[in-house]
Amino acid sequence: MEGYGALLIFAGVAVIVGLAHAVMNDMLGTKKKDPMEDYPYECGVPLYDPEARGTFKQGYYLLGLLLILFDIEAAYLFPWAVVFEEIGLFGLIEAILFIFILTLGFVYAWAKGALRWQV
């Protein structure tokens, strides 16, 4: 218990400072409510559709899917690199085949114009 004294003092000071900031904010802060606080996002930009049912361009979804696809590629290649000596030639051929299939997918997406950003 002797070694935890400094930790308990630090935690106590942190709690006191946090509560002091919250109380001071309540006492000294502005009481006027901003009309933008009722919007889902308080970025200062007015919403185009108050019901939030506006449409998004298809490019956002397509770009997100491609990003996930090629990030997962990197996540699968790391374990192969870690156990490369244990899996031998068969594992190397699997990795090359995996990269080849993903490269075909990338070339297909590029040929279809999925990587062109059109606003």
PDB file of N, CA and C in Angstrom:
ATOM      1  N   MET A   1       0.830  -1.196   0.000  1.00  0.00           N
ATOM      2  CA  MET A   1       0.000   0.000   0.000  1.00  0.00           C
ATOM      3  C   MET A   1       0.871   1.255   0.000  1.00  0.00           C
ATOM      4  N   GLU A   2       2.118   1.128   0.424  1.00  0.00           N
ATOM      5  CA  GLU A   2       2.992   2.297   0.501  1.00  0.00           C
ATOM      6  C   GLU A   2       3.282   2.878  -0.879  1.00  0.00           C
ATOM      7  N   GLY A   3       3.438   2.013  -1.876  1.00  0.00           N
ATOM      8  CA  GLY A   3       3.776   2.477  -3.214  1.00  0.00           C
ATOM      9  C   GLY A   3       2.619   3.133  -3.939  1.00  0.00           C
ATOM     10  N   TYR A   4       1.402   2.939  -3.462  1.00  0.00           N
ATOM     11  CA  TYR A   4       0.226   3.477  -4.124  1.00  0.00           C
ATOM     12  C   TYR A   4      -0.194   4.850  -3.616  1.00  0.00           C
ATOM     13  N   GLY A   5       0.515   5.399  -2.639  1.00  0.00           N
ATOM     14  CA  GLY A   5       0.160   6.698  -2.078  1.00  0.00           C
ATOM     15  C   GLY A   5       0.197   7.806  -3.110  1.00  0.00           C
ATOM     16  N   ALA A   6       1.257   7.847  -3.904  1.00  0.00           N
ATOM     17  CA  ALA A   6       1.384   8.886  -4.931  1.00  0.00           C
ATOM     18  C   ALA A   6       0.303   8.732  -5.990  1.00  0.00           C
ATOM     19  N   LEU A   7      -0.019   7.485  -6.314  1.00  0.00           N
ATOM     20  CA  LEU A   7      -1.067   7.242  -7.307  1.00  0.00           C
ATOM     21  C   LEU A   7      -2.433   7.702  -6.799  1.00  0.00           C
ATOM     22  N   LEU A   8      -2.717   7.442  -5.531  1.00  0.00           N
ATOM     23  CA  LEU A   8      -3.991   7.884  -4.966  1.00  0.00           C
ATOM     24  C   LEU A   8      -4.070   9.404  -4.883  1.00  0.00           C
ATOM     25  N   ILE A   9      -2.961  10.049  -4.540  1.00  0.00           N
ATOM     26  CA  ILE A   9      -2.937  11.517  -4.512  1.00  0.00           C
ATOM     27  C   ILE A   9      -3.173  12.071  -5.915  1.00  0.00           C
ATOM     28  N   PHE A  10      -2.500  11.484  -6.916  1.00  0.00           N
ATOM     29  CA  PHE A  10      -2.676  11.930  -8.298  1.00  0.00           C
ATOM     30  C   PHE A  10      -4.123  11.760  -8.755  1.00  0.00           C
ATOM     31  N   ALA A  11      -4.732  10.613  -8.441  1.00  0.00           N
ATOM     32  CA  ALA A  11      -6.119  10.376  -8.834  1.00  0.00           C
ATOM     33  C   ALA A  11      -7.051  11.353  -8.134  1.00  0.00           C
ATOM     34  N   GLY A  12      -6.801  11.625  -6.858  1.00  0.00           N
ATOM     35  CA  GLY A  12      -7.628  12.577  -6.127  1.00  0.00           C
ATOM     36  C   GLY A  12      -7.542  13.980  -6.701  1.00  0.00           C
ATOM     37  N   VAL A  13      -6.316  14.408  -7.023  1.00  0.00           N
ATOM     38  CA  VAL A  13      -6.135  15.741  -7.619  1.00  0.00           C
ATOM     39  C   VAL A  13      -6.829  15.801  -8.977  1.00  0.00           C
ATOM     40  N   ALA A  14      -6.738  14.721  -9.766  1.00  0.00           N
ATOM     41  CA  ALA A  14      -7.384  14.700 -11.081  1.00  0.00           C
ATOM     42  C   ALA A  14      -8.891  14.823 -10.955  1.00  0.00           C
ATOM     43  N   VAL A  15      -9.478  14.133  -9.998  1.00  0.00           N
ATOM     44  CA  VAL A  15     -10.925  14.215  -9.797  1.00  0.00           C
ATOM     45  C   VAL A  15     -11.324  15.614  -9.339  1.00  0.00           C
ATOM     46  N   ILE A  16     -10.561  16.191  -8.424  1.00  0.00           N
ATOM     47  CA  ILE A  16     -10.874  17.535  -7.925  1.00  0.00           C
ATOM     48  C   ILE A  16     -10.769  18.567  -9.043  1.00  0.00           C
ATOM     49  N   VAL A  17      -9.713  18.487  -9.848  1.00  0.00           N
ATOM     50  CA  VAL A  17      -9.546  19.447 -10.949  1.00  0.00           C
ATOM     51  C   VAL A  17     -10.674  19.284 -11.969  1.00  0.00           C
ATOM     52  N   GLY A  18     -11.045  18.043 -12.290  1.00  0.00           N
ATOM     53  CA  GLY A  18     -12.133  17.813 -13.239  1.00  0.00           C
ATOM     54  C   GLY A  18     -13.457  18.368 -12.730  1.00  0.00           C
ATOM     55  N   LEU A  19     -13.758  18.120 -11.468  1.00  0.00           N
ATOM     56  CA  LEU A  19     -15.001  18.649 -10.906  1.00  0.00           C
ATOM     57  C   LEU A  19     -14.969  20.178 -10.825  1.00  0.00           C
ATOM     58  N   ALA A  20     -13.812  20.740 -10.497  1.00  0.00           N
ATOM     59  CA  ALA A  20     -13.699  22.201 -10.435  1.00  0.00           C
ATOM     60  C   ALA A  20     -13.952  22.816 -11.804  1.00  0.00           C
ATOM     61  N   HIS A  21     -13.420  22.211 -12.853  1.00  0.00           N
ATOM     62  CA  HIS A  21     -13.659  22.731 -14.203  1.00  0.00           C
ATOM     63  C   HIS A  21     -15.136  22.648 -14.577  1.00  0.00           C
ATOM     64  N   ALA A  22     -15.791  21.542 -14.221  1.00  0.00           N
ATOM     65  CA  ALA A  22     -17.204  21.399 -14.542  1.00  0.00           C
ATOM     66  C   ALA A  22     -18.053  22.427 -13.795  1.00  0.00           C
ATOM     67  N   VAL A  23     -17.754  22.656 -12.526  1.00  0.00           N
ATOM     68  CA  VAL A  23     -18.514  23.629 -11.735  1.00  0.00           C
ATOM     69  C   VAL A  23     -18.262  25.040 -12.248  1.00  0.00           C
ATOM     70  N   MET A  24     -17.004  25.370 -12.546  1.00  0.00           N
ATOM     71  CA  MET A  24     -16.689  26.718 -13.065  1.00  0.00           C
ATOM     72  C   MET A  24     -17.348  26.949 -14.423  1.00  0.00           C
ATOM     73  N   ASN A  25     -17.396  25.924 -15.254  1.00  0.00           N
ATOM     74  CA  ASN A  25     -18.044  26.057 -16.551  1.00  0.00           C
ATOM     75  C   ASN A  25     -19.537  26.330 -16.372  1.00  0.00           C
ATOM     76  N   ASP A  26     -20.158  25.641 -15.424  1.00  0.00           N
ATOM     77  CA  ASP A  26     -21.577  25.854 -15.175  1.00  0.00           C
ATOM     78  C   ASP A  26     -21.846  27.254 -14.609  1.00  0.00           C
ATOM     79  N   MET A  27     -20.959  27.732 -13.765  1.00  0.00           N
ATOM     80  CA  MET A  27     -21.166  29.050 -13.146  1.00  0.00           C
ATOM     81  C   MET A  27     -20.821  30.197 -14.103  1.00  0.00           C
ATOM     82  N   LEU A  28     -19.735  30.069 -14.867  1.00  0.00           N
ATOM     83  CA  LEU A  28     -19.244  31.175 -15.691  1.00  0.00           C
ATOM     84  C   LEU A  28     -19.635  31.077 -17.156  1.00  0.00           C
ATOM     85  N   GLY A  29     -20.127  29.924 -17.591  1.00  0.00           N
ATOM     86  CA  GLY A  29     -20.442  29.732 -19.003  1.00  0.00           C
ATOM     87  C   GLY A  29     -21.677  30.488 -19.432  1.00  0.00           C
ATOM     88  N   THR A  30     -21.838  30.638 -20.757  1.00  0.00           N
ATOM     89  CA  THR A  30     -23.003  31.337 -21.287  1.00  0.00           C
ATOM     90  C   THR A  30     -24.248  30.468 -21.111  1.00  0.00           C
ATOM     91  N   LYS A  31     -25.352  31.113 -20.871  1.00  0.00           N
ATOM     92  CA  LYS A  31     -26.628  30.405 -20.673  1.00  0.00           C
ATOM     93  C   LYS A  31     -27.513  30.469 -21.917  1.00  0.00           C
ATOM     94  N   LYS A  32     -27.101  31.253 -22.917  1.00  0.00           N
ATOM     95  CA  LYS A  32     -27.910  31.411 -24.121  1.00  0.00           C
ATOM     96  C   LYS A  32     -27.744  30.176 -25.010  1.00  0.00           C
ATOM     97  N   LYS A  33     -28.842  29.600 -25.436  1.00  0.00           N
ATOM     98  CA  LYS A  33     -28.791  28.406 -26.276  1.00  0.00           C
ATOM     99  C   LYS A  33     -28.634  28.814 -27.740  1.00  0.00           C
ATOM    100  N   ASP A  34     -27.705  28.167 -28.410  1.00  0.00           N
ATOM    101  CA  ASP A  34     -27.464  28.415 -29.824  1.00  0.00           C
ATOM    102  C   ASP A  34     -28.450  27.593 -30.647  1.00  0.00           C
ATOM    103  N   PRO A  35     -29.098  28.190 -31.663  1.00  0.00           N
ATOM    104  CA  PRO A  35     -30.053  27.407 -32.461  1.00  0.00           C
ATOM    105  C   PRO A  35     -29.400  26.247 -33.214  1.00  0.00           C
ATOM    106  N   MET A  36     -28.091  26.314 -33.467  1.00  0.00           N
ATOM    107  CA  MET A  36     -27.418  25.225 -34.178  1.00  0.00           C
ATOM    108  C   MET A  36     -27.271  23.979 -33.314  1.00  0.00           C
ATOM    109  N   GLU A  37     -27.484  24.083 -32.013  1.00  0.00           N
ATOM    110  CA  GLU A  37     -27.330  22.920 -31.149  1.00  0.00           C
ATOM    111  C   GLU A  37     -28.398  21.866 -31.405  1.00  0.00           C
ATOM    112  N   ASP A  38     -29.495  22.228 -32.024  1.00  0.00           N
ATOM    113  CA  ASP A  38     -30.551  21.261 -32.310  1.00  0.00           C
ATOM    114  C   ASP A  38     -30.270  20.442 -33.568  1.00  0.00           C
ATOM    115  N   TYR A  39     -29.308  20.853 -34.375  1.00  0.00           N
ATOM    116  CA  TYR A  39     -28.962  20.110 -35.581  1.00  0.00           C
ATOM    117  C   TYR A  39     -28.095  18.905 -35.221  1.00  0.00           C
ATOM    118  N   PRO A  40     -28.114  17.882 -36.058  1.00  0.00           N
ATOM    119  CA  PRO A  40     -27.300  16.702 -35.767  1.00  0.00           C
ATOM    120  C   PRO A  40     -25.800  17.010 -35.743  1.00  0.00           C
ATOM    121  N   TYR A  41     -25.351  17.935 -36.554  1.00  0.00           N
ATOM    122  CA  TYR A  41     -23.934  18.280 -36.601  1.00  0.00           C
ATOM    123  C   TYR A  41     -23.795  19.763 -36.293  1.00  0.00           C
ATOM    124  N   GLU A  42     -22.912  20.107 -35.377  1.00  0.00           N
ATOM    125  CA  GLU A  42     -22.715  21.494 -34.995  1.00  0.00           C
ATOM    126  C   GLU A  42     -21.511  22.083 -35.719  1.00  0.00           C
ATOM    127  N   CYS A  43     -21.388  21.847 -37.014  1.00  0.00           N
ATOM    128  CA  CYS A  43     -20.226  22.328 -37.746  1.00  0.00           C
ATOM    129  C   CYS A  43     -20.435  23.748 -38.268  1.00  0.00           C
ATOM    130  N   GLY A  44     -21.615  24.300 -38.131  1.00  0.00           N
ATOM    131  CA  GLY A  44     -21.865  25.652 -38.586  1.00  0.00           C
ATOM    132  C   GLY A  44     -22.414  25.726 -39.992  1.00  0.00           C
ATOM    133  N   VAL A  45     -22.456  24.615 -40.689  1.00  0.00           N
ATOM    134  CA  VAL A  45     -22.990  24.582 -42.046  1.00  0.00           C
ATOM    135  C   VAL A  45     -24.460  24.214 -41.966  1.00  0.00           C
ATOM    136  N   PRO A  46     -25.348  25.023 -42.535  1.00  0.00           N
ATOM    137  CA  PRO A  46     -26.773  24.669 -42.456  1.00  0.00           C
ATOM    138  C   PRO A  46     -27.066  23.393 -43.239  1.00  0.00           C
ATOM    139  N   LEU A  47     -28.007  22.634 -42.741  1.00  0.00           N
ATOM    140  CA  LEU A  47     -28.377  21.387 -43.402  1.00  0.00           C
ATOM    141  C   LEU A  47     -29.183  21.679 -44.664  1.00  0.00           C
ATOM    142  N   TYR A  48     -29.000  20.856 -45.671  1.00  0.00           N
ATOM    143  CA  TYR A  48     -29.785  21.005 -46.884  1.00  0.00           C
ATOM    144  C   TYR A  48     -31.180  20.431 -46.690  1.00  0.00           C
ATOM    145  N   ASP A  49     -31.253  19.357 -45.942  1.00  0.00           N
ATOM    146  CA  ASP A  49     -32.521  18.684 -45.713  1.00  0.00           C
ATOM    147  C   ASP A  49     -32.698  18.506 -44.209  1.00  0.00           C
ATOM    148  N   PRO A  50     -33.638  19.199 -43.582  1.00  0.00           N
ATOM    149  CA  PRO A  50     -33.783  19.094 -42.124  1.00  0.00           C
ATOM    150  C   PRO A  50     -34.115  17.690 -41.644  1.00  0.00           C
ATOM    151  N   GLU A  51     -34.693  16.863 -42.503  1.00  0.00           N
ATOM    152  CA  GLU A  51     -35.042  15.510 -42.098  1.00  0.00           C
ATOM    153  C   GLU A  51     -33.879  14.545 -42.266  1.00  0.00           C
ATOM    154  N   ALA A  52     -32.749  15.030 -42.778  1.00  0.00           N
ATOM    155  CA  ALA A  52     -31.543  14.223 -42.975  1.00  0.00           C
ATOM    156  C   ALA A  52     -31.803  13.031 -43.894  1.00  0.00           C
ATOM    157  N   ARG A  53     -32.619  13.245 -44.907  1.00  0.00           N
ATOM    158  CA  ARG A  53     -32.885  12.177 -45.869  1.00  0.00           C
ATOM    159  C   ARG A  53     -32.298  12.509 -47.230  1.00  0.00           C
ATOM    160  N   GLY A  54     -31.320  13.379 -47.255  1.00  0.00           N
ATOM    161  CA  GLY A  54     -30.691  13.750 -48.507  1.00  0.00           C
ATOM    162  C   GLY A  54     -29.882  12.601 -49.082  1.00  0.00           C
ATOM    163  N   THR A  55     -29.589  12.665 -50.341  1.00  0.00           N
ATOM    164  CA  THR A  55     -28.846  11.594 -50.992  1.00  0.00           C
ATOM    165  C   THR A  55     -27.363  11.918 -50.994  1.00  0.00           C
ATOM    166  N   PHE A  56     -26.574  10.887 -50.995  1.00  0.00           N
ATOM    167  CA  PHE A  56     -25.131  10.998 -51.116  1.00  0.00           C
ATOM    168  C   PHE A  56     -24.733  10.489 -52.492  1.00  0.00           C
ATOM    169  N   LYS A  57     -23.656  11.006 -52.989  1.00  0.00           N
ATOM    170  CA  LYS A  57     -23.178  10.534 -54.284  1.00  0.00           C
ATOM    171  C   LYS A  57     -22.667   9.105 -54.151  1.00  0.00           C
ATOM    172  N   GLN A  58     -22.816   8.344 -55.187  1.00  0.00           N
ATOM    173  CA  GLN A  58     -22.411   6.941 -55.185  1.00  0.00           C
ATOM    174  C   GLN A  58     -20.905   6.801 -55.006  1.00  0.00           C
ATOM    175  N   GLY A  59     -20.155   7.791 -55.411  1.00  0.00           N
ATOM    176  CA  GLY A  59     -18.704   7.728 -55.306  1.00  0.00           C
ATOM    177  C   GLY A  59     -18.215   7.560 -53.879  1.00  0.00           C
ATOM    178  N   TYR A  60     -18.932   8.120 -52.900  1.00  0.00           N
ATOM    179  CA  TYR A  60     -18.522   7.970 -51.507  1.00  0.00           C
ATOM    180  C   TYR A  60     -18.563   6.501 -51.092  1.00  0.00           C
ATOM    181  N   TYR A  61     -19.642   5.815 -51.422  1.00  0.00           N
ATOM    182  CA  TYR A  61     -19.789   4.425 -51.043  1.00  0.00           C
ATOM    183  C   TYR A  61     -18.781   3.552 -51.784  1.00  0.00           C
ATOM    184  N   LEU A  62     -18.600   3.802 -53.060  1.00  0.00           N
ATOM    185  CA  LEU A  62     -17.682   3.010 -53.856  1.00  0.00           C
ATOM    186  C   LEU A  62     -16.250   3.188 -53.375  1.00  0.00           C
ATOM    187  N   LEU A  63     -15.869   4.410 -53.086  1.00  0.00           N
ATOM    188  CA  LEU A  63     -14.525   4.658 -52.591  1.00  0.00           C
ATOM    189  C   LEU A  63     -14.320   3.999 -51.231  1.00  0.00           C
ATOM    190  N   GLY A  64     -15.334   4.046 -50.383  1.00  0.00           N
ATOM    191  CA  GLY A  64     -15.239   3.387 -49.077  1.00  0.00           C
ATOM    192  C   GLY A  64     -15.068   1.883 -49.209  1.00  0.00           C
ATOM    193  N   LEU A  65     -15.816   1.265 -50.110  1.00  0.00           N
ATOM    194  CA  LEU A  65     -15.688  -0.174 -50.316  1.00  0.00           C
ATOM    195  C   LEU A  65     -14.314  -0.543 -50.858  1.00  0.00           C
ATOM    196  N   LEU A  66     -13.801   0.244 -51.792  1.00  0.00           N
ATOM    197  CA  LEU A  66     -12.468  -0.042 -52.325  1.00  0.00           C
ATOM    198  C   LEU A  66     -11.396   0.140 -51.256  1.00  0.00           C
ATOM    199  N   LEU A  67     -11.552   1.143 -50.416  1.00  0.00           N
ATOM    200  CA  LEU A  67     -10.593   1.357 -49.338  1.00  0.00           C
ATOM    201  C   LEU A  67     -10.593   0.167 -48.384  1.00  0.00           C
ATOM    202  N   ILE A  68     -11.770  -0.316 -48.026  1.00  0.00           N
ATOM    203  CA  ILE A  68     -11.847  -1.479 -47.133  1.00  0.00           C
ATOM    204  C   ILE A  68     -11.219  -2.695 -47.791  1.00  0.00           C
ATOM    205  N   LEU A  69     -11.491  -2.908 -49.066  1.00  0.00           N
ATOM    206  CA  LEU A  69     -10.950  -4.056 -49.783  1.00  0.00           C
ATOM    207  C   LEU A  69      -9.435  -4.060 -49.768  1.00  0.00           C
ATOM    208  N   PHE A  70      -8.820  -2.945 -50.099  1.00  0.00           N
ATOM    209  CA  PHE A  70      -7.365  -2.933 -50.201  1.00  0.00           C
ATOM    210  C   PHE A  70      -6.692  -2.784 -48.838  1.00  0.00           C
ATOM    211  N   ASP A  71      -7.395  -2.340 -47.815  1.00  0.00           N
ATOM    212  CA  ASP A  71      -6.842  -2.370 -46.462  1.00  0.00           C
ATOM    213  C   ASP A  71      -6.835  -3.794 -45.925  1.00  0.00           C
ATOM    214  N   ILE A  72      -7.856  -4.551 -46.262  1.00  0.00           N
ATOM    215  CA  ILE A  72      -7.902  -5.946 -45.823  1.00  0.00           C
ATOM    216  C   ILE A  72      -6.798  -6.741 -46.489  1.00  0.00           C
ATOM    217  N   GLU A  73      -6.429  -6.358 -47.700  1.00  0.00           N
ATOM    218  CA  GLU A  73      -5.312  -7.027 -48.369  1.00  0.00           C
ATOM    219  C   GLU A  73      -4.059  -6.912 -47.521  1.00  0.00           C
ATOM    220  N   ALA A  74      -3.771  -5.737 -47.021  1.00  0.00           N
ATOM    221  CA  ALA A  74      -2.594  -5.549 -46.184  1.00  0.00           C
ATOM    222  C   ALA A  74      -2.707  -6.337 -44.884  1.00  0.00           C
ATOM    223  N   ALA A  75      -3.906  -6.442 -44.344  1.00  0.00           N
ATOM    224  CA  ALA A  75      -4.095  -7.198 -43.103  1.00  0.00           C
ATOM    225  C   ALA A  75      -3.866  -8.688 -43.313  1.00  0.00           C
ATOM    226  N   TYR A  76      -4.152  -9.204 -44.493  1.00  0.00           N
ATOM    227  CA  TYR A  76      -3.898 -10.611 -44.767  1.00  0.00           C
ATOM    228  C   TYR A  76      -2.447 -10.887 -45.114  1.00  0.00           C
ATOM    229  N   LEU A  77      -1.743  -9.934 -45.665  1.00  0.00           N
ATOM    230  CA  LEU A  77      -0.356 -10.167 -46.041  1.00  0.00           C
ATOM    231  C   LEU A  77       0.586 -10.176 -44.839  1.00  0.00           C
ATOM    232  N   PHE A  78       0.239  -9.467 -43.784  1.00  0.00           N
ATOM    233  CA  PHE A  78       1.130  -9.409 -42.626  1.00  0.00           C
ATOM    234  C   PHE A  78       1.326 -10.776 -41.963  1.00  0.00           C
ATOM    235  N   PRO A  79       0.260 -11.564 -41.696  1.00  0.00           N
ATOM    236  CA  PRO A  79       0.501 -12.891 -41.104  1.00  0.00           C
ATOM    237  C   PRO A  79       1.333 -13.801 -42.010  1.00  0.00           C
ATOM    238  N   TRP A  80       1.165 -13.696 -43.310  1.00  0.00           N
ATOM    239  CA  TRP A  80       1.996 -14.489 -44.217  1.00  0.00           C
ATOM    240  C   TRP A  80       3.471 -14.112 -44.072  1.00  0.00           C
ATOM    241  N   ALA A  81       3.727 -12.835 -43.925  1.00  0.00           N
ATOM    242  CA  ALA A  81       5.122 -12.394 -43.781  1.00  0.00           C
ATOM    243  C   ALA A  81       5.714 -12.858 -42.454  1.00  0.00           C
ATOM    244  N   VAL A  82       4.900 -12.927 -41.413  1.00  0.00           N
ATOM    245  CA  VAL A  82       5.407 -13.330 -40.099  1.00  0.00           C
ATOM    246  C   VAL A  82       5.792 -14.813 -40.085  1.00  0.00           C
ATOM    247  N   VAL A  83       4.988 -15.656 -40.707  1.00  0.00           N
ATOM    248  CA  VAL A  83       5.256 -17.104 -40.681  1.00  0.00           C
ATOM    249  C   VAL A  83       5.800 -17.598 -42.025  1.00  0.00           C
ATOM    250  N   PHE A  84       6.512 -16.759 -42.719  1.00  0.00           N
ATOM    251  CA  PHE A  84       6.975 -17.111 -44.062  1.00  0.00           C
ATOM    252  C   PHE A  84       7.864 -18.357 -44.058  1.00  0.00           C
ATOM    253  N   GLU A  85       8.770 -18.477 -43.093  1.00  0.00           N
ATOM    254  CA  GLU A  85       9.682 -19.623 -43.085  1.00  0.00           C
ATOM    255  C   GLU A  85       8.965 -20.928 -42.768  1.00  0.00           C
ATOM    256  N   GLU A  86       7.897 -20.891 -41.970  1.00  0.00           N
ATOM    257  CA  GLU A  86       7.190 -22.113 -41.611  1.00  0.00           C
ATOM    258  C   GLU A  86       6.285 -22.620 -42.735  1.00  0.00           C
ATOM    259  N   ILE A  87       5.709 -21.727 -43.535  1.00  0.00           N
ATOM    260  CA  ILE A  87       4.749 -22.181 -44.548  1.00  0.00           C
ATOM    261  C   ILE A  87       5.422 -22.573 -45.850  1.00  0.00           C
ATOM    262  N   GLY A  88       6.628 -22.133 -46.064  1.00  0.00           N
ATOM    263  CA  GLY A  88       7.409 -22.589 -47.209  1.00  0.00           C
ATOM    264  C   GLY A  88       6.885 -22.119 -48.557  1.00  0.00           C
ATOM    265  N   LEU A  89       7.170 -22.945 -49.565  1.00  0.00           N
ATOM    266  CA  LEU A  89       6.844 -22.599 -50.943  1.00  0.00           C
ATOM    267  C   LEU A  89       5.334 -22.553 -51.172  1.00  0.00           C
ATOM    268  N   PHE A  90       4.583 -23.460 -50.526  1.00  0.00           N
ATOM    269  CA  PHE A  90       3.130 -23.473 -50.700  1.00  0.00           C
ATOM    270  C   PHE A  90       2.515 -22.156 -50.235  1.00  0.00           C
ATOM    271  N   GLY A  91       2.954 -21.655 -49.110  1.00  0.00           N
ATOM    272  CA  GLY A  91       2.444 -20.375 -48.603  1.00  0.00           C
ATOM    273  C   GLY A  91       2.824 -19.219 -49.503  1.00  0.00           C
ATOM    274  N   LEU A  92       4.020 -19.265 -50.065  1.00  0.00           N
ATOM    275  CA  LEU A  92       4.441 -18.216 -50.994  1.00  0.00           C
ATOM    276  C   LEU A  92       3.566 -18.216 -52.245  1.00  0.00           C
ATOM    277  N   ILE A  93       3.267 -19.398 -52.757  1.00  0.00           N
ATOM    278  CA  ILE A  93       2.401 -19.486 -53.942  1.00  0.00           C
ATOM    279  C   ILE A  93       0.999 -18.978 -53.614  1.00  0.00           C
ATOM    280  N   GLU A  94       0.483 -19.307 -52.419  1.00  0.00           N
ATOM    281  CA  GLU A  94      -0.826 -18.777 -52.005  1.00  0.00           C
ATOM    282  C   GLU A  94      -0.816 -17.258 -51.933  1.00  0.00           C
ATOM    283  N   ALA A  95       0.236 -16.682 -51.380  1.00  0.00           N
ATOM    284  CA  ALA A  95       0.332 -15.225 -51.257  1.00  0.00           C
ATOM    285  C   ALA A  95       0.397 -14.576 -52.635  1.00  0.00           C
ATOM    286  N   ILE A  96       1.171 -15.158 -53.535  1.00  0.00           N
ATOM    287  CA  ILE A  96       1.275 -14.609 -54.888  1.00  0.00           C
ATOM    288  C   ILE A  96      -0.068 -14.699 -55.601  1.00  0.00           C
ATOM    289  N   LEU A  97      -0.779 -15.819 -55.434  1.00  0.00           N
ATOM    290  CA  LEU A  97      -2.101 -15.955 -56.042  1.00  0.00           C
ATOM    291  C   LEU A  97      -3.079 -14.940 -55.465  1.00  0.00           C
ATOM    292  N   PHE A  98      -3.026 -14.715 -54.153  1.00  0.00           N
ATOM    293  CA  PHE A  98      -3.891 -13.728 -53.501  1.00  0.00           C
ATOM    294  C   PHE A  98      -3.619 -12.331 -54.046  1.00  0.00           C
ATOM    295  N   ILE A  99      -2.351 -11.976 -54.145  1.00  0.00           N
ATOM    296  CA  ILE A  99      -1.994 -10.650 -54.676  1.00  0.00           C
ATOM    297  C   ILE A  99      -2.413 -10.527 -56.136  1.00  0.00           C
ATOM    298  N   PHE A 100      -2.279 -11.602 -56.894  1.00  0.00           N
ATOM    299  CA  PHE A 100      -2.674 -11.577 -58.305  1.00  0.00           C
ATOM    300  C   PHE A 100      -4.182 -11.337 -58.444  1.00  0.00           C
ATOM    301  N   ILE A 101      -4.986 -12.029 -57.632  1.00  0.00           N
ATOM    302  CA  ILE A 101      -6.440 -11.847 -57.703  1.00  0.00           C
ATOM    303  C   ILE A 101      -6.816 -10.421 -57.308  1.00  0.00           C
ATOM    304  N   LEU A 102      -6.184  -9.887 -56.269  1.00  0.00           N
ATOM    305  CA  LEU A 102      -6.481  -8.514 -55.873  1.00  0.00           C
ATOM    306  C   LEU A 102      -6.020  -7.507 -56.917  1.00  0.00           C
ATOM    307  N   THR A 103      -4.917  -7.807 -57.588  1.00  0.00           N
ATOM    308  CA  THR A 103      -4.453  -6.926 -58.657  1.00  0.00           C
ATOM    309  C   THR A 103      -5.450  -6.930 -59.814  1.00  0.00           C
ATOM    310  N   LEU A 104      -6.015  -8.106 -60.131  1.00  0.00           N
ATOM    311  CA  LEU A 104      -7.045  -8.161 -61.167  1.00  0.00           C
ATOM    312  C   LEU A 104      -8.259  -7.317 -60.771  1.00  0.00           C
ATOM    313  N   GLY A 105      -8.643  -7.388 -59.507  1.00  0.00           N
ATOM    314  CA  GLY A 105      -9.753  -6.566 -59.029  1.00  0.00           C
ATOM    315  C   GLY A 105      -9.442  -5.087 -59.112  1.00  0.00           C
ATOM    316  N   PHE A 106      -8.214  -4.716 -58.797  1.00  0.00           N
ATOM    317  CA  PHE A 106      -7.804  -3.317 -58.890  1.00  0.00           C
ATOM    318  C   PHE A 106      -7.829  -2.831 -60.335  1.00  0.00           C
ATOM    319  N   VAL A 107      -7.315  -3.641 -61.252  1.00  0.00           N
ATOM    320  CA  VAL A 107      -7.311  -3.266 -62.666  1.00  0.00           C
ATOM    321  C   VAL A 107      -8.742  -3.147 -63.184  1.00  0.00           C
ATOM    322  N   TYR A 108      -9.621  -4.053 -62.754  1.00  0.00           N
ATOM    323  CA  TYR A 108     -11.028  -3.987 -63.170  1.00  0.00           C
ATOM    324  C   TYR A 108     -11.680  -2.700 -62.655  1.00  0.00           C
ATOM    325  N   ALA A 109     -11.448  -2.369 -61.395  1.00  0.00           N
ATOM    326  CA  ALA A 109     -12.023  -1.139 -60.824  1.00  0.00           C
ATOM    327  C   ALA A 109     -11.481   0.084 -61.537  1.00  0.00           C
ATOM    328  N   TRP A 110     -10.205   0.056 -61.882  1.00  0.00           N
ATOM    329  CA  TRP A 110      -9.588   1.176 -62.594  1.00  0.00           C
ATOM    330  C   TRP A 110     -10.185   1.303 -64.002  1.00  0.00           C
ATOM    331  N   ALA A 111     -10.360   0.175 -64.679  1.00  0.00           N
ATOM    332  CA  ALA A 111     -10.909   0.205 -66.030  1.00  0.00           C
ATOM    333  C   ALA A 111     -12.354   0.676 -66.038  1.00  0.00           C
ATOM    334  N   LYS A 112     -13.121   0.335 -65.029  1.00  0.00           N
ATOM    335  CA  LYS A 112     -14.514   0.770 -64.948  1.00  0.00           C
ATOM    336  C   LYS A 112     -14.663   2.222 -64.499  1.00  0.00           C
ATOM    337  N   GLY A 113     -13.563   2.863 -64.094  1.00  0.00           N
ATOM    338  CA  GLY A 113     -13.605   4.255 -63.688  1.00  0.00           C
ATOM    339  C   GLY A 113     -14.002   4.456 -62.242  1.00  0.00           C
ATOM    340  N   ALA A 114     -13.899   3.407 -61.430  1.00  0.00           N
ATOM    341  CA  ALA A 114     -14.296   3.507 -60.026  1.00  0.00           C
ATOM    342  C   ALA A 114     -13.337   4.383 -59.224  1.00  0.00           C
ATOM    343  N   LEU A 115     -12.134   4.562 -59.700  1.00  0.00           N
ATOM    344  CA  LEU A 115     -11.146   5.349 -58.962  1.00  0.00           C
ATOM    345  C   LEU A 115     -11.133   6.820 -59.385  1.00  0.00           C
ATOM    346  N   ARG A 116     -11.922   7.166 -60.386  1.00  0.00           N
ATOM    347  CA  ARG A 116     -12.028   8.581 -60.791  1.00  0.00           C
ATOM    348  C   ARG A 116     -13.009   9.293 -59.896  1.00  0.00           C
ATOM    349  N   TRP A 117     -12.595  10.401 -59.360  1.00  0.00           N
ATOM    350  CA  TRP A 117     -13.466  11.149 -58.471  1.00  0.00           C
ATOM    351  C   TRP A 117     -14.203  12.200 -59.269  1.00  0.00           C
ATOM    352  N   GLN A 118     -15.522  12.061 -59.343  1.00  0.00           N
ATOM    353  CA  GLN A 118     -16.338  13.017 -60.085  1.00  0.00           C
ATOM    354  C   GLN A 118     -17.309  13.668 -59.124  1.00  0.00           C
ATOM    355  N   VAL A 119     -17.182  14.963 -58.982  1.00  0.00           N
ATOM    356  CA  VAL A 119     -18.037  15.692 -58.044  1.00  0.00           C
ATOM    357  C   VAL A 119     -19.269  16.189 -58.760  1.00  0.00           C
TER     358      VAL A 119
END
